Amino acid sequence: MKKIGTVIIILILIVILAGIGFVAYGYYRKATMEVKNPVATMEVEGFGTVKMELYPDQAPNTVINFIKLANRKFYDGLTFHRIIKDFMIQGGDNSEDGSGSGAATLKDLYDEGTEDAYAIQGEFTSNNIKNTLKFEEGTLAMARSDYTSYSSELLTESYNSATSQFFIMTNRNVRLNGNYAGFGKVIEGMDVVKKIAEVEVTQNDKTQEGEEAEMSKPVNPPKITSIRVETYGIDYGDPITMDPFDYITWMYDKYGIDPSTITDTQTTE
């Protein structure tokens, strides 16, 4: 009996030691495992492939929103509707006329979503969120609306107005640092981005009254065939959304302006 008891104790010790070893190995793997940033692959018809590394450590909710839209095929078939040489190329507008007024809805995020518009918080320093990504050649960032041209009171509303439109820098621009949500960078295919930036453009017919005419509307807008994001097995979940600012009602209530005369376009400056 004494011998059997000893054997049982030994077996229990073996099980305990094995359990400790298993847990320790788990912690070791977690500590040493390389966590890869997600990588977006964009195909542009007639131009080529662009790969962009996304940075969840800089703008986590912005990255999640982009992943969700891209992998649900929101960007497939859209164009680069705004191109300014030596500055940036901008896409993600789903309006029929390519005016820059289009944006994703909740239905683009979720199967059970509605056609209601949404916005995400601007993850950048001016909006009290730390983001150290600089606006240099190849930086990927979110476009947003600028309602301050209507009233200086609308700074916060402007900061929190991004949805689906993004831009890729083709040159360095320090004025954008801390004022827009940079969330990635081109790691392959910068030559493709630069080719897109060279397409013929004409005057943007949505230039606001009193503004200098902007030569940014492509004569033949480059078409995005697809954007897909490799997450390397990580589930980034769903983005945190908010109700977008109803600038039309605000303008009508404050100034009595006819809503049909107001055009909201997302931009970089």
Protein backbone atom coordinates (compact mmCIF):
# COMPACT_ATOMS: atom_id res chain seq x y z
CA MET A 1 0.00 0.00 0.00
CA LYS A 2 2.81 2.33 0.88
CA LYS A 3 4.41 1.63 -2.50
CA ILE A 4 1.13 2.42 -4.35
CA GLY A 5 0.80 5.69 -2.45
CA THR A 6 4.31 6.67 -3.45
CA VAL A 7 3.54 5.95 -7.12
CA ILE A 8 0.39 8.08 -6.94
CA ILE A 9 2.33 10.97 -5.40
CA ILE A 10 4.96 10.70 -8.14
CA LEU A 11 2.27 10.72 -10.83
CA ILE A 12 0.65 13.77 -9.27
CA LEU A 13 4.01 15.55 -9.19
CA ILE A 14 4.60 14.68 -12.84
CA VAL A 15 1.20 16.11 -13.79
CA ILE A 16 1.85 19.28 -11.80
CA LEU A 17 5.29 19.75 -13.32
CA ALA A 18 3.89 19.13 -16.81
CA GLY A 19 1.19 21.73 -16.18
CA ILE A 20 3.75 24.26 -14.97
CA GLY A 21 5.89 23.55 -18.03
CA PHE A 22 2.93 23.98 -20.36
CA VAL A 23 1.98 27.33 -18.82
CA ALA A 24 5.60 28.50 -18.85
CA TYR A 25 5.91 27.54 -22.51
CA GLY A 26 2.76 29.49 -23.29
CA TYR A 27 4.17 32.60 -21.62
CA TYR A 28 7.48 32.08 -23.43
CA ARG A 29 5.78 31.83 -26.83
CA LYS A 30 3.68 34.90 -26.12
CA ALA A 31 6.77 36.87 -25.06
CA THR A 32 8.90 35.81 -28.01
CA MET A 33 6.28 35.60 -30.77
CA GLU A 34 6.61 38.33 -33.37
CA VAL A 35 3.29 40.13 -33.82
CA LYS A 36 3.07 41.34 -37.41
CA ASN A 37 1.29 44.53 -38.34
CA PRO A 38 -1.56 44.05 -40.84
CA VAL A 39 -0.65 44.61 -44.49
CA ALA A 40 -3.10 45.97 -47.08
CA THR A 41 -2.66 44.96 -50.72
CA MET A 42 -4.26 47.32 -53.23
CA GLU A 43 -4.66 46.49 -56.92
CA VAL A 44 -5.15 49.46 -59.25
CA GLU A 45 -6.34 48.70 -62.77
CA GLY A 46 -3.68 49.43 -65.38
CA PHE A 47 -1.18 50.64 -62.78
CA GLY A 48 -0.16 47.76 -60.52
CA THR A 49 0.02 46.64 -56.91
CA VAL A 50 0.61 48.71 -53.80
CA LYS A 51 1.27 47.20 -50.36
CA MET A 52 0.75 49.25 -47.22
CA GLU A 53 1.67 48.34 -43.65
CA LEU A 54 -0.96 49.48 -41.14
CA TYR A 55 -0.09 50.74 -37.65
CA PRO A 56 -2.58 49.75 -34.91
CA ASP A 57 -0.23 51.24 -32.32
CA GLN A 58 -0.71 54.71 -33.85
CA ALA A 59 -4.39 54.76 -34.82
CA PRO A 60 -6.08 51.53 -33.67
CA ASN A 61 -9.70 52.37 -34.43
CA THR A 62 -8.81 53.87 -37.81
CA VAL A 63 -6.95 50.68 -38.73
CA ILE A 64 -9.89 48.52 -37.63
CA ASN A 65 -12.30 50.60 -39.71
CA PHE A 66 -10.07 50.33 -42.80
CA ILE A 67 -9.62 46.57 -42.39
CA LYS A 68 -13.34 46.04 -42.02
CA LEU A 69 -14.25 48.09 -45.10
CA ALA A 70 -11.47 46.64 -47.24
CA ASN A 71 -12.14 43.01 -46.43
CA ARG A 72 -15.87 43.51 -46.97
CA LYS A 73 -15.00 44.75 -50.49
CA PHE A 74 -16.18 48.34 -49.98
CA TYR A 75 -13.28 49.79 -51.98
CA ASP A 76 -13.55 47.39 -54.92
CA GLY A 77 -14.40 49.35 -58.05
CA LEU A 78 -13.99 52.81 -56.53
CA THR A 79 -11.51 55.32 -57.94
CA PHE A 80 -8.89 57.84 -56.98
CA HIS A 81 -11.17 60.85 -57.42
CA ARG A 82 -8.79 63.58 -56.20
CA ILE A 83 -5.15 63.80 -57.26
CA ILE A 84 -2.77 66.65 -56.58
CA LYS A 85 0.71 66.23 -58.02
CA ASP A 86 3.56 66.45 -55.49
CA PHE A 87 1.02 66.19 -52.66
CA MET A 88 -1.28 63.14 -52.50
CA ILE A 89 -3.78 60.81 -54.19
CA GLN A 90 -7.20 60.33 -52.58
CA GLY A 91 -9.74 57.51 -52.88
CA GLY A 92 -12.62 55.86 -51.05
CA ASP A 93 -15.43 58.06 -52.39
CA ASN A 94 -18.48 56.02 -53.45
CA SER A 95 -20.53 58.92 -54.83
CA GLU A 96 -21.80 58.43 -58.38
CA ASP A 97 -20.22 61.63 -59.68
CA GLY A 98 -16.86 61.24 -57.93
CA SER A 99 -17.39 64.57 -56.19
CA GLY A 100 -15.76 63.54 -52.91
CA SER A 101 -19.07 63.62 -51.05
CA GLY A 102 -19.45 59.84 -50.75
CA ALA A 103 -18.86 57.79 -47.61
CA ALA A 104 -19.48 54.34 -46.18
CA THR A 105 -22.59 53.49 -44.13
CA LEU A 106 -23.13 51.04 -41.29
CA LYS A 107 -24.28 48.49 -43.86
CA ASP A 108 -20.78 48.53 -45.31
CA LEU A 109 -19.45 47.45 -41.90
CA TYR A 110 -22.03 44.86 -40.86
CA ASP A 111 -24.40 42.45 -42.61
CA GLU A 112 -27.19 43.62 -40.33
CA GLY A 113 -26.17 47.29 -40.58
CA THR A 114 -28.39 50.10 -41.80
CA GLU A 115 -27.91 52.69 -44.54
CA ASP A 116 -27.18 55.30 -41.85
CA ALA A 117 -23.98 57.26 -42.19
CA TYR A 118 -21.33 57.06 -39.49
CA ALA A 119 -18.03 58.66 -38.52
CA ILE A 120 -14.96 57.68 -36.53
CA GLN A 121 -12.92 59.70 -34.09
CA GLY A 122 -9.89 61.44 -35.54
CA GLU A 123 -6.85 59.75 -34.02
CA PHE A 124 -4.27 62.53 -34.10
CA THR A 125 -2.55 64.95 -31.74
CA SER A 126 -4.74 68.00 -32.40
CA ASN A 127 -7.71 65.86 -31.32
CA ASN A 128 -5.93 64.93 -28.08
CA ILE A 129 -4.92 61.46 -29.25
CA LYS A 130 -1.22 60.62 -29.51
CA ASN A 131 -0.12 59.71 -33.02
CA THR A 132 3.52 60.22 -33.96
CA LEU A 133 3.30 59.18 -37.61
CA LYS A 134 4.74 61.88 -39.87
CA PHE A 135 3.29 62.90 -43.22
CA GLU A 136 6.06 61.88 -45.56
CA GLU A 137 6.14 60.20 -48.95
CA GLY A 138 4.09 57.01 -48.74
CA THR A 139 2.14 57.83 -45.58
CA LEU A 140 -1.44 56.49 -45.61
CA ALA A 141 -4.06 58.61 -43.82
CA MET A 142 -7.77 59.35 -43.52
CA ALA A 143 -9.41 62.28 -45.28
CA ARG A 144 -12.03 64.23 -43.35
CA SER A 145 -14.39 67.16 -43.69
CA ASP A 146 -13.47 70.70 -42.70
CA TYR A 147 -16.49 72.52 -41.34
CA THR A 148 -14.42 75.40 -39.97
CA SER A 149 -14.91 77.21 -43.27
CA TYR A 150 -18.53 77.60 -42.12
CA SER A 151 -17.70 78.37 -38.49
CA SER A 152 -14.64 78.21 -36.24
CA GLU A 153 -16.93 76.60 -33.66
CA LEU A 154 -16.93 73.37 -35.65
CA LEU A 155 -13.38 72.23 -35.03
CA THR A 156 -14.27 69.07 -33.08
CA GLU A 157 -16.94 68.16 -35.63
CA SER A 158 -14.32 68.50 -38.37
CA TYR A 159 -11.81 66.34 -36.52
CA ASN A 160 -14.34 63.52 -36.01
CA SER A 161 -15.72 63.28 -39.55
CA ALA A 162 -13.69 60.56 -41.30
CA THR A 163 -15.44 57.47 -42.66
CA SER A 164 -14.00 55.73 -45.71
CA GLN A 165 -11.95 58.18 -47.75
CA PHE A 166 -8.18 57.84 -47.50
CA PHE A 167 -5.13 59.39 -49.12
CA ILE A 168 -1.53 58.45 -49.82
CA MET A 169 1.16 61.08 -49.64
CA THR A 170 3.43 61.54 -52.65
CA ASN A 171 5.54 64.16 -50.92
CA ARG A 172 6.37 65.38 -47.44
CA ASN A 173 3.95 67.88 -45.87
CA VAL A 174 4.63 68.97 -42.29
CA ARG A 175 1.39 71.01 -42.07
CA LEU A 176 -0.58 67.77 -41.88
CA ASN A 177 1.42 66.39 -38.94
CA GLY A 178 -0.88 66.02 -35.95
CA ASN A 179 -3.94 67.23 -37.85
CA TYR A 180 -4.94 64.10 -39.76
CA ALA A 181 -5.05 60.42 -38.82
CA GLY A 182 -2.04 58.75 -40.37
CA PHE A 183 -2.40 54.98 -39.97
CA GLY A 184 -0.03 53.28 -42.38
CA LYS A 185 2.73 53.52 -44.94
CA VAL A 186 3.50 52.17 -48.40
CA ILE A 187 6.06 49.37 -48.19
CA GLU A 188 5.88 48.21 -51.83
CA GLY A 189 4.69 49.91 -55.00
CA MET A 190 5.51 53.55 -54.34
CA ASP A 191 6.34 53.74 -58.04
CA VAL A 192 2.72 52.78 -58.76
CA VAL A 193 1.47 55.56 -56.47
CA LYS A 194 3.66 58.06 -58.29
CA LYS A 195 2.37 56.90 -61.67
CA ILE A 196 -1.17 57.47 -60.44
CA ALA A 197 -0.15 60.94 -59.28
CA GLU A 198 0.93 61.79 -62.84
CA VAL A 199 -2.47 61.26 -64.51
CA GLU A 200 -4.10 64.17 -66.30
CA VAL A 201 -6.37 66.28 -64.08
CA THR A 202 -8.81 69.08 -64.66
CA GLN A 203 -10.52 71.68 -62.47
CA ASN A 204 -12.49 70.31 -59.55
CA ASP A 205 -16.07 71.39 -60.23
CA LYS A 206 -16.94 71.10 -56.53
CA THR A 207 -14.63 73.92 -55.46
CA GLN A 208 -16.39 76.00 -52.83
CA GLU A 209 -17.37 79.58 -53.59
CA GLY A 210 -14.55 82.01 -52.91
CA GLU A 211 -11.88 79.29 -53.09
CA GLU A 212 -9.18 79.12 -55.72
CA ALA A 213 -10.02 76.51 -58.35
CA GLU A 214 -8.27 73.24 -57.55
CA MET A 215 -6.78 71.21 -60.40
CA SER A 216 -7.40 67.78 -58.90
CA LYS A 217 -10.14 65.96 -60.80
CA PRO A 218 -8.71 63.10 -62.90
CA VAL A 219 -9.84 63.07 -66.52
CA ASN A 220 -9.74 59.26 -66.35
CA PRO A 221 -9.91 58.34 -62.63
CA PRO A 222 -7.65 55.37 -61.78
CA LYS A 223 -9.81 52.44 -60.66
CA ILE A 224 -9.16 50.42 -57.50
CA THR A 225 -9.74 46.78 -58.42
CA SER A 226 -9.50 45.62 -54.82
CA ILE A 227 -8.03 46.22 -51.38
CA ARG A 228 -7.54 43.28 -49.02
CA VAL A 229 -5.84 43.29 -45.63
CA GLU A 230 -3.79 40.37 -44.27
CA THR A 231 -4.13 40.38 -40.47
CA TYR A 232 -1.90 37.34 -39.81
CA GLY A 233 -4.54 35.57 -37.77
CA ILE A 234 -5.40 38.49 -35.52
CA ASP A 235 -9.07 39.42 -35.17
CA TYR A 236 -9.15 43.19 -34.83
CA GLY A 237 -12.89 43.25 -34.20
CA ASP A 238 -15.25 46.07 -35.12
CA PRO A 239 -14.55 49.83 -35.17
CA ILE A 240 -16.08 52.22 -32.67
CA THR A 241 -18.41 54.51 -34.61
CA MET A 242 -20.29 57.70 -33.83
CA ASP A 243 -23.13 59.65 -35.38
CA PRO A 244 -21.81 62.04 -38.04
CA PHE A 245 -22.25 65.77 -37.67
CA ASP A 246 -25.44 66.94 -39.42
CA TYR A 247 -23.90 70.02 -41.01
CA ILE A 248 -26.89 70.59 -43.33
CA THR A 249 -29.34 71.01 -40.44
CA TRP A 250 -26.76 73.07 -38.56
CA MET A 251 -26.27 75.44 -41.52
CA TYR A 252 -30.00 75.81 -42.05
CA ASP A 253 -30.71 76.47 -38.37
CA LYS A 254 -27.84 78.93 -37.91
CA TYR A 255 -27.84 80.82 -41.18
CA GLY A 256 -31.05 79.84 -42.95
CA ILE A 257 -29.02 78.54 -45.88
CA ASP A 258 -30.83 76.36 -48.41
CA PRO A 259 -29.48 72.80 -47.77
CA SER A 260 -29.47 72.04 -51.51
CA THR A 261 -26.68 74.57 -52.00
CA ILE A 262 -24.32 72.86 -49.55
CA THR A 263 -21.77 70.29 -50.68
CA ASP A 264 -19.71 68.36 -48.17
CA THR A 265 -16.48 66.91 -49.52
CA GLN A 266 -13.76 65.18 -47.57
CA THR A 267 -10.32 66.56 -48.06
CA THR A 268 -6.81 66.88 -46.73
CA GLU A 269 -6.63 70.66 -46.63
